[in-house]
N, C-alpha and C. Protein backbone atom coordinates (compact mmCIF):
# COMPACT_ATOMS: atom_id res chain seq x y z
N MET A 1 -22.87 10.86 85.48
CA MET A 1 -22.04 10.01 84.46
C MET A 1 -22.70 10.04 83.19
N PHE A 2 -23.87 9.87 82.96
CA PHE A 2 -24.66 9.72 81.49
C PHE A 2 -24.54 11.06 81.00
N GLN A 3 -24.37 12.18 81.66
CA GLN A 3 -24.12 13.53 80.95
C GLN A 3 -22.74 13.24 80.12
N LYS A 4 -21.58 13.07 80.96
CA LYS A 4 -20.54 12.74 80.30
C LYS A 4 -20.50 12.26 79.24
N LYS A 5 -20.86 10.69 79.20
CA LYS A 5 -20.98 9.79 78.26
C LYS A 5 -21.54 10.60 76.91
N LYS A 6 -22.75 11.28 77.08
CA LYS A 6 -23.61 11.87 76.06
C LYS A 6 -22.72 12.70 75.39
N LYS A 7 -21.92 13.73 76.26
CA LYS A 7 -21.00 14.59 75.54
C LYS A 7 -19.91 14.21 74.53
N TRP A 8 -19.41 12.92 75.14
CA TRP A 8 -18.23 12.33 74.38
C TRP A 8 -18.94 11.58 73.21
N THR A 9 -20.14 11.05 73.15
CA THR A 9 -20.74 10.41 72.05
C THR A 9 -20.78 11.48 71.14
N VAL A 10 -21.30 12.81 71.47
CA VAL A 10 -22.01 13.71 70.41
C VAL A 10 -20.50 14.30 69.88
N PHE A 11 -19.43 14.45 70.68
CA PHE A 11 -18.30 14.97 70.32
C PHE A 11 -17.61 13.88 69.10
N PHE A 12 -17.77 12.62 69.35
CA PHE A 12 -17.05 11.62 68.23
C PHE A 12 -17.92 11.53 67.03
N ILE A 13 -19.06 11.74 67.35
CA ILE A 13 -20.18 11.27 66.22
C ILE A 13 -20.38 12.34 65.15
N LEU A 14 -20.52 13.55 65.78
CA LEU A 14 -21.01 14.76 64.87
C LEU A 14 -19.58 14.88 63.58
N PRO A 15 -18.59 14.81 64.19
CA PRO A 15 -17.35 14.94 63.15
C PRO A 15 -17.55 13.75 61.79
N PHE A 16 -17.81 12.76 62.56
CA PHE A 16 -17.98 11.65 61.61
C PHE A 16 -19.14 11.66 60.61
N ILE A 17 -20.15 12.37 61.25
CA ILE A 17 -21.30 12.45 60.25
C ILE A 17 -20.92 13.66 59.32
N PHE A 18 -20.44 14.35 59.78
CA PHE A 18 -20.05 15.52 58.70
C PHE A 18 -19.22 14.98 57.85
N LEU A 19 -18.03 14.21 57.84
CA LEU A 19 -16.94 13.67 57.11
C LEU A 19 -18.04 12.82 55.96
N CYS A 20 -18.89 12.24 56.57
CA CYS A 20 -19.63 11.24 55.42
C CYS A 20 -20.42 12.05 54.55
N PHE A 21 -21.10 13.20 54.99
CA PHE A 21 -21.87 13.98 54.19
C PHE A 21 -21.38 15.31 53.52
N ALA A 22 -20.09 15.81 53.78
CA ALA A 22 -19.47 16.81 53.43
C ALA A 22 -19.31 16.76 51.70
N PRO A 23 -18.96 15.38 51.31
CA PRO A 23 -18.72 15.57 49.87
C PRO A 23 -20.38 15.89 49.01
N ALA A 24 -21.32 15.76 49.74
CA ALA A 24 -22.56 15.68 48.88
C ALA A 24 -22.87 17.30 49.00
N PHE A 25 -22.15 18.08 49.75
CA PHE A 25 -22.39 19.50 49.93
C PHE A 25 -21.28 20.26 49.40
N SER A 26 -20.19 19.64 48.72
CA SER A 26 -19.32 20.29 47.80
C SER A 26 -19.69 20.92 46.68
N THR A 27 -19.14 22.23 46.67
CA THR A 27 -19.44 22.96 45.21
C THR A 27 -18.57 22.68 44.10
N GLU A 28 -17.61 21.77 44.35
CA GLU A 28 -16.69 21.40 43.17
C GLU A 28 -17.47 20.49 42.13
N SER A 29 -17.02 20.70 40.99
CA SER A 29 -17.72 19.96 40.09
C SER A 29 -16.73 18.77 39.84
N LYS A 30 -17.24 17.49 39.88
CA LYS A 30 -16.41 16.41 39.77
C LYS A 30 -17.02 15.52 38.47
N SER A 31 -16.04 15.22 37.56
CA SER A 31 -16.57 14.51 36.29
C SER A 31 -16.68 13.11 36.62
N ALA A 32 -17.68 12.39 36.20
CA ALA A 32 -17.84 10.93 36.39
C ALA A 32 -16.45 10.31 35.64
N SER A 33 -16.31 9.11 36.27
CA SER A 33 -15.19 8.26 35.74
C SER A 33 -15.49 7.44 34.73
N SER A 34 -16.82 7.18 34.32
CA SER A 34 -17.18 6.39 33.27
C SER A 34 -18.38 6.99 32.56
N ILE A 35 -18.62 6.54 31.52
CA ILE A 35 -19.68 6.82 30.69
C ILE A 35 -20.94 6.41 31.28
N LEU A 36 -22.01 7.18 31.30
CA LEU A 36 -23.33 6.91 31.81
C LEU A 36 -24.24 6.40 30.75
N TRP A 37 -24.25 4.86 30.75
CA TRP A 37 -24.90 4.16 29.54
C TRP A 37 -26.08 3.92 29.82
N HIS A 38 -27.12 3.92 28.88
CA HIS A 38 -28.45 3.61 28.82
C HIS A 38 -28.95 2.45 28.10
N ASP A 39 -29.98 1.74 28.53
CA ASP A 39 -30.63 0.79 27.52
C ASP A 39 -31.38 1.58 26.58
N TYR A 40 -31.68 0.80 25.32
CA TYR A 40 -32.26 1.41 24.48
C TYR A 40 -33.61 2.21 24.55
N SER A 41 -34.56 1.73 25.20
CA SER A 41 -35.83 2.26 25.44
C SER A 41 -35.50 3.44 26.59
N GLU A 42 -34.88 3.33 27.73
CA GLU A 42 -34.64 4.60 28.52
C GLU A 42 -34.11 5.68 27.84
N GLY A 43 -32.89 5.29 27.13
CA GLY A 43 -32.26 6.40 26.22
C GLY A 43 -32.87 7.09 25.60
N MET A 44 -33.66 6.43 24.70
CA MET A 44 -34.37 7.12 23.71
C MET A 44 -35.43 8.20 24.04
N ALA A 45 -36.26 7.82 25.37
CA ALA A 45 -37.17 8.50 26.16
C ALA A 45 -36.45 9.61 26.88
N LEU A 46 -35.24 9.42 27.40
CA LEU A 46 -34.43 10.63 28.08
C LEU A 46 -33.99 11.63 26.97
N SER A 47 -33.65 11.20 25.80
CA SER A 47 -33.28 12.02 24.86
C SER A 47 -34.34 13.09 24.37
N LYS A 48 -35.64 12.44 24.21
CA LYS A 48 -36.64 13.50 23.80
C LYS A 48 -36.96 14.23 25.32
N GLU A 49 -36.96 13.64 26.49
CA GLU A 49 -37.12 14.56 27.54
C GLU A 49 -36.12 15.65 27.92
N GLN A 50 -35.02 15.14 27.60
CA GLN A 50 -33.95 16.14 28.00
C GLN A 50 -33.52 16.93 26.70
N GLY A 51 -33.93 16.94 25.52
CA GLY A 51 -33.66 17.36 24.21
C GLY A 51 -32.25 17.29 24.01
N LYS A 52 -31.60 16.08 24.13
CA LYS A 52 -30.05 15.85 23.74
C LYS A 52 -30.11 14.89 22.76
N LYS A 53 -29.20 15.06 22.11
CA LYS A 53 -29.14 13.99 20.90
C LYS A 53 -28.35 12.59 21.68
N VAL A 54 -28.47 11.50 20.71
CA VAL A 54 -28.17 10.25 20.97
C VAL A 54 -26.86 9.73 20.46
N PHE A 55 -25.98 9.17 21.12
CA PHE A 55 -24.70 8.34 20.99
C PHE A 55 -25.09 7.05 21.00
N LEU A 56 -25.48 6.38 19.83
CA LEU A 56 -25.94 4.71 19.98
C LEU A 56 -24.68 3.97 19.51
N TYR A 57 -24.48 3.02 20.43
CA TYR A 57 -22.92 2.37 20.34
C TYR A 57 -23.47 0.69 20.10
N PHE A 58 -23.01 0.06 19.40
CA PHE A 58 -23.38 -1.50 19.18
C PHE A 58 -22.00 -2.09 19.24
N TRP A 59 -22.01 -3.05 19.89
CA TRP A 59 -20.85 -3.85 20.42
C TRP A 59 -21.30 -5.31 20.54
N ALA A 60 -20.33 -6.36 20.58
CA ALA A 60 -20.29 -7.61 21.28
C ALA A 60 -18.88 -8.09 22.24
N LYS A 61 -19.11 -9.07 22.99
CA LYS A 61 -18.19 -9.41 23.61
C LYS A 61 -16.85 -10.03 22.85
N TRP A 62 -17.19 -10.86 21.76
CA TRP A 62 -16.19 -11.45 21.08
C TRP A 62 -15.51 -10.46 19.90
N CYS A 63 -16.07 -9.01 19.78
CA CYS A 63 -15.50 -8.07 19.13
C CYS A 63 -14.10 -7.55 19.72
N GLY A 64 -13.17 -7.77 18.79
CA GLY A 64 -11.84 -7.27 19.19
C GLY A 64 -11.85 -5.70 19.29
N TYR A 65 -12.20 -5.06 18.18
CA TYR A 65 -12.30 -3.58 18.26
C TYR A 65 -13.01 -2.99 19.13
N CYS A 66 -14.23 -3.85 19.44
CA CYS A 66 -15.10 -3.29 20.78
C CYS A 66 -14.28 -3.23 21.64
N THR A 67 -13.85 -4.35 22.09
CA THR A 67 -12.82 -4.31 23.49
C THR A 67 -11.64 -3.04 23.70
N LYS A 68 -11.24 -2.96 22.42
CA LYS A 68 -9.89 -1.60 22.07
C LYS A 68 -10.88 -0.41 22.24
N MET A 69 -12.04 -0.35 21.89
CA MET A 69 -12.68 1.09 21.99
C MET A 69 -12.89 1.09 23.63
N ALA A 70 -13.38 -0.03 24.36
CA ALA A 70 -13.94 0.19 25.79
C ALA A 70 -12.59 0.62 26.64
N LYS A 71 -11.23 -0.07 26.13
CA LYS A 71 -9.97 0.25 26.90
C LYS A 71 -9.28 1.37 26.77
N GLU A 72 -9.59 1.98 25.21
CA GLU A 72 -8.88 3.25 24.93
C GLU A 72 -9.80 4.43 24.65
N THR A 73 -10.84 4.24 23.99
CA THR A 73 -11.62 5.18 23.93
C THR A 73 -12.59 5.62 24.96
N PHE A 74 -13.29 4.92 25.37
CA PHE A 74 -14.18 5.11 26.52
C PHE A 74 -13.55 5.40 27.72
N VAL A 75 -12.43 5.30 28.00
CA VAL A 75 -11.89 5.72 29.24
C VAL A 75 -11.33 6.89 29.06
N ASP A 76 -11.34 7.62 28.02
CA ASP A 76 -10.59 8.91 27.90
C ASP A 76 -11.60 9.72 28.75
N PRO A 77 -10.87 10.78 29.53
CA PRO A 77 -11.52 11.91 30.26
C PRO A 77 -12.33 12.80 29.60
N GLN A 78 -11.81 13.23 28.29
CA GLN A 78 -12.65 14.31 27.51
C GLN A 78 -13.84 13.42 26.84
N VAL A 79 -13.62 12.44 26.21
CA VAL A 79 -14.84 11.71 25.87
C VAL A 79 -15.81 11.44 26.72
N ILE A 80 -15.58 10.93 27.96
CA ILE A 80 -16.57 10.55 28.94
C ILE A 80 -17.21 11.78 29.45
N ASP A 81 -16.60 12.89 29.72
CA ASP A 81 -17.33 14.31 29.97
C ASP A 81 -18.04 14.89 28.81
N TYR A 82 -17.62 14.84 27.57
CA TYR A 82 -18.55 15.43 26.52
C TYR A 82 -19.68 14.35 26.29
N LEU A 83 -19.51 13.02 26.46
CA LEU A 83 -20.93 12.09 26.20
C LEU A 83 -21.76 12.53 27.18
N ASN A 84 -21.22 12.31 28.51
CA ASN A 84 -22.01 12.54 29.92
C ASN A 84 -22.83 14.02 29.85
N SER A 85 -22.07 14.84 29.44
CA SER A 85 -22.97 16.30 29.45
C SER A 85 -23.56 16.84 28.39
N ARG A 86 -23.58 16.00 27.13
CA ARG A 86 -24.13 16.75 26.00
C ARG A 86 -24.97 15.67 25.24
N PHE A 87 -24.68 14.49 25.45
CA PHE A 87 -25.32 13.13 24.91
C PHE A 87 -25.99 12.36 25.76
N ILE A 88 -26.99 11.53 25.14
CA ILE A 88 -27.71 10.64 25.76
C ILE A 88 -26.83 9.14 25.30
N SER A 89 -26.20 8.50 26.04
CA SER A 89 -25.27 7.40 25.47
C SER A 89 -26.05 5.88 25.77
N ILE A 90 -26.21 5.18 24.66
CA ILE A 90 -27.05 3.94 24.49
C ILE A 90 -26.08 2.92 24.09
N LYS A 91 -25.64 2.05 24.81
CA LYS A 91 -25.03 0.98 24.60
C LYS A 91 -25.79 -0.40 24.23
N ILE A 92 -25.53 -1.08 22.90
CA ILE A 92 -26.44 -2.18 22.66
C ILE A 92 -25.51 -3.41 22.55
N ASP A 93 -25.62 -4.38 23.07
CA ASP A 93 -25.21 -5.78 22.83
C ASP A 93 -25.81 -6.34 21.81
N TYR A 94 -24.87 -6.28 20.74
CA TYR A 94 -25.55 -6.85 19.28
C TYR A 94 -26.03 -8.31 19.51
N ASP A 95 -25.53 -9.12 20.20
CA ASP A 95 -25.99 -10.64 20.41
C ASP A 95 -27.18 -10.72 21.41
N ARG A 96 -27.50 -9.87 22.39
CA ARG A 96 -28.69 -9.68 23.01
C ARG A 96 -29.59 -9.07 22.76
N GLU A 97 -29.51 -8.16 21.83
CA GLU A 97 -30.73 -7.15 21.02
C GLU A 97 -30.44 -7.36 19.80
N PRO A 98 -30.84 -8.43 19.16
CA PRO A 98 -30.56 -8.35 17.70
C PRO A 98 -31.69 -7.51 16.95
N ARG A 99 -32.82 -7.37 17.60
CA ARG A 99 -33.92 -6.48 17.13
C ARG A 99 -33.63 -5.11 16.72
N VAL A 100 -33.12 -4.57 17.84
CA VAL A 100 -32.35 -3.12 17.68
C VAL A 100 -31.33 -3.06 16.54
N ALA A 101 -30.33 -3.91 16.93
CA ALA A 101 -29.22 -4.09 15.67
C ALA A 101 -29.98 -4.03 14.08
N SER A 102 -31.09 -4.81 14.18
CA SER A 102 -31.73 -5.19 12.82
C SER A 102 -32.25 -3.85 12.45
N ARG A 103 -32.80 -3.05 13.58
CA ARG A 103 -33.55 -2.03 13.05
C ARG A 103 -32.89 -1.00 12.40
N TYR A 104 -31.48 -0.88 12.74
CA TYR A 104 -30.38 -0.05 12.31
C TYR A 104 -29.83 -0.40 11.43
N GLY A 105 -29.92 -1.75 10.80
CA GLY A 105 -29.06 -2.17 9.72
C GLY A 105 -27.70 -2.32 10.00
N VAL A 106 -27.32 -2.90 11.48
CA VAL A 106 -26.05 -2.88 11.68
C VAL A 106 -25.33 -4.20 11.05
N ARG A 107 -24.22 -4.11 10.26
CA ARG A 107 -23.73 -5.24 9.76
C ARG A 107 -22.51 -5.56 10.28
N GLY A 108 -21.71 -4.64 10.87
CA GLY A 108 -20.45 -4.85 11.47
C GLY A 108 -20.21 -4.52 12.81
N LEU A 109 -19.12 -4.44 13.49
CA LEU A 109 -18.99 -3.99 14.93
C LEU A 109 -17.65 -3.59 15.17
N PRO A 110 -17.28 -2.50 15.82
CA PRO A 110 -18.45 -1.77 16.43
C PRO A 110 -19.17 -0.82 15.63
N THR A 111 -19.98 -0.37 15.64
CA THR A 111 -20.89 0.56 15.08
C THR A 111 -21.38 1.68 15.92
N ALA A 112 -21.03 2.94 15.54
CA ALA A 112 -21.69 4.00 16.40
C ALA A 112 -22.77 4.95 15.52
N PHE A 113 -23.90 5.13 16.01
CA PHE A 113 -24.89 6.00 15.36
C PHE A 113 -25.13 7.34 16.16
N PHE A 114 -25.61 8.40 15.48
CA PHE A 114 -25.69 9.49 15.82
C PHE A 114 -27.28 9.98 15.57
N ILE A 115 -28.03 10.30 16.64
CA ILE A 115 -29.39 10.29 16.37
C ILE A 115 -29.81 11.47 17.08
N ALA A 116 -30.70 12.57 16.29
CA ALA A 116 -31.18 13.84 16.56
C ALA A 116 -32.10 13.67 17.87
N GLU A 117 -32.31 14.71 18.42
CA GLU A 117 -33.25 14.94 19.72
C GLU A 117 -34.90 14.47 19.37
N THR A 118 -35.34 14.60 17.93
CA THR A 118 -36.38 14.09 17.46
C THR A 118 -36.44 12.56 17.36
N GLY A 119 -35.51 11.88 17.49
CA GLY A 119 -35.44 10.43 17.17
C GLY A 119 -35.01 10.23 15.56
N ASP A 120 -34.74 10.94 14.89
CA ASP A 120 -34.39 10.99 13.51
C ASP A 120 -32.84 10.80 13.57
N PRO A 121 -32.38 9.82 12.59
CA PRO A 121 -31.06 9.39 12.50
C PRO A 121 -30.35 10.29 11.78
N ILE A 122 -29.08 10.73 12.44
CA ILE A 122 -28.11 11.93 11.67
C ILE A 122 -26.89 11.14 10.70
N GLY A 123 -26.48 10.08 11.55
CA GLY A 123 -25.52 9.35 10.57
C GLY A 123 -25.06 8.08 11.42
N GLN A 124 -23.97 7.36 10.74
CA GLN A 124 -23.46 6.46 11.35
C GLN A 124 -21.79 6.31 11.24
N ARG A 125 -21.18 5.73 12.15
CA ARG A 125 -19.87 5.44 11.85
C ARG A 125 -19.28 4.07 12.06
N PRO A 126 -18.94 3.27 11.39
CA PRO A 126 -18.46 2.00 11.62
C PRO A 126 -16.91 1.82 12.17
N GLY A 127 -16.72 0.66 12.72
CA GLY A 127 -15.32 0.56 13.12
C GLY A 127 -14.97 1.21 14.28
N PHE A 128 -13.73 1.06 14.50
CA PHE A 128 -13.04 1.55 15.87
C PHE A 128 -12.85 2.94 15.53
N ILE A 129 -13.30 3.63 16.62
CA ILE A 129 -12.83 5.39 16.50
C ILE A 129 -12.07 5.56 17.88
N SER A 130 -10.92 6.43 17.44
CA SER A 130 -9.96 6.58 18.49
C SER A 130 -10.78 7.82 19.16
N ALA A 131 -10.09 8.12 20.59
CA ALA A 131 -10.92 9.06 21.48
C ALA A 131 -10.84 10.36 20.61
N LYS A 132 -9.57 10.80 19.88
CA LYS A 132 -9.55 12.08 19.28
C LYS A 132 -10.32 12.20 18.16
N ASP A 133 -10.61 11.18 17.69
CA ASP A 133 -11.67 11.06 16.30
C ASP A 133 -13.17 11.07 16.88
N LEU A 134 -13.48 10.43 17.84
CA LEU A 134 -14.82 10.69 18.56
C LEU A 134 -15.04 11.86 18.89
N ILE A 135 -14.25 12.49 19.53
CA ILE A 135 -14.42 13.97 20.08
C ILE A 135 -14.83 15.05 18.94
N ALA A 136 -14.01 14.63 17.93
CA ALA A 136 -14.23 15.46 16.86
C ALA A 136 -15.62 15.40 16.03
N THR A 137 -15.83 14.06 16.11
CA THR A 137 -17.34 13.73 15.50
C THR A 137 -18.43 14.16 16.41
N LEU A 138 -18.09 14.15 17.67
CA LEU A 138 -19.17 14.58 18.38
C LEU A 138 -19.47 15.98 18.51
N GLN A 139 -18.37 16.87 18.18
CA GLN A 139 -18.29 18.17 18.25
C GLN A 139 -19.08 18.73 17.05
N TYR A 140 -18.74 17.86 15.87
CA TYR A 140 -19.47 18.17 14.72
C TYR A 140 -21.00 17.83 14.74
N ILE A 141 -21.42 16.90 15.37
CA ILE A 141 -22.98 16.47 15.48
C ILE A 141 -23.36 17.35 16.27
N GLN A 142 -22.95 17.53 17.79
CA GLN A 142 -23.38 18.62 18.72
C GLN A 142 -23.56 19.76 18.19
N SER A 143 -22.73 20.61 17.27
CA SER A 143 -22.83 21.83 16.89
C SER A 143 -23.87 21.89 15.76
N ASP A 144 -24.54 21.00 15.26
CA ASP A 144 -25.47 20.79 14.07
C ASP A 144 -24.69 21.06 12.86
N SER A 145 -23.40 21.19 12.71
CA SER A 145 -22.38 21.39 11.34
C SER A 145 -22.74 20.38 10.52
N TYR A 146 -23.31 19.31 10.67
CA TYR A 146 -23.59 18.09 9.96
C TYR A 146 -24.88 18.46 8.86
N LYS A 147 -25.46 19.70 9.49
CA LYS A 147 -26.63 20.16 8.51
C LYS A 147 -26.20 21.22 7.28
N THR A 148 -25.18 21.64 7.53
CA THR A 148 -24.33 22.60 6.63
C THR A 148 -23.19 22.15 5.88
N MET A 149 -22.42 21.15 6.42
CA MET A 149 -21.14 20.67 5.68
C MET A 149 -20.76 19.35 6.31
N SER A 150 -19.68 18.86 5.43
CA SER A 150 -19.11 17.59 5.56
C SER A 150 -18.33 17.26 6.83
N LEU A 151 -18.12 16.34 7.44
CA LEU A 151 -17.06 16.15 8.39
C LEU A 151 -15.82 16.90 8.00
N LYS A 152 -15.47 16.42 6.87
CA LYS A 152 -14.20 16.85 6.46
C LYS A 152 -13.90 18.32 6.40
N THR A 153 -14.97 18.96 5.72
CA THR A 153 -14.91 20.23 5.69
C THR A 153 -14.91 20.97 7.45
N PHE A 154 -15.65 20.40 7.94
CA PHE A 154 -15.71 20.83 9.70
C PHE A 154 -14.22 20.70 10.19
N LEU A 155 -13.66 19.42 9.95
CA LEU A 155 -12.40 19.43 10.42
C LEU A 155 -11.16 20.26 10.01
N LYS A 156 -11.53 20.71 8.77
CA LYS A 156 -10.39 21.61 8.19
C LYS A 156 -10.54 23.02 8.86
N GLY A 157 -11.60 23.26 9.33
CA GLY A 157 -11.99 24.63 9.64
C GLY A 157 -11.62 24.57 11.25
N ARG A 158 -11.22 23.57 11.94
CA ARG A 158 -10.89 23.64 13.13
C ARG A 158 -9.51 24.26 13.39
C-alpha cells in the first residue's frame, strides 16, 4: 500500500515542481514591466561598478508633471527597456532628500540629470519629458554624441 501511495505522490508532485521552476530555466528574454529605480548611494556605486551612465530623476508627490511622467513616460516599454539595460536609474524624492537636490541645484520639478560613468555631470533636462523625447535624449547621451554635437544636431541626423 505504501508503494502505491508513493508512486501517486511522485506522479503529482514532480509536474507541479517542474511548472513552478520552468520559468527560471526559460531561454526567452522577458523585459521588466517597470524601471529598476535605485536610491542615490546605491545607484552611484552601481554606476561605477558596472560602467554605466546614470539617469537621475527628481520628483515629489505634489508635483503634477511628475505624476504625468509616472503615468505616461515611465510606463512606456521602450523607456523601461532602454533605462534598465543601458543606465542606472536613480529616483530622488525632492522632499525626503533635500541635500541631494541641493547638491544638484534642483529648482523645479520634475528634473532629470544625466551623469557619466565617472560621476561627472553630463547635463540636465527640467520639466515633463514625453517617452519619445526621453528615448531620443537617452540615445544621445548613451552614444556619447553630447561630446561632439548638440541634441538639436543629433536629432536632425536621425
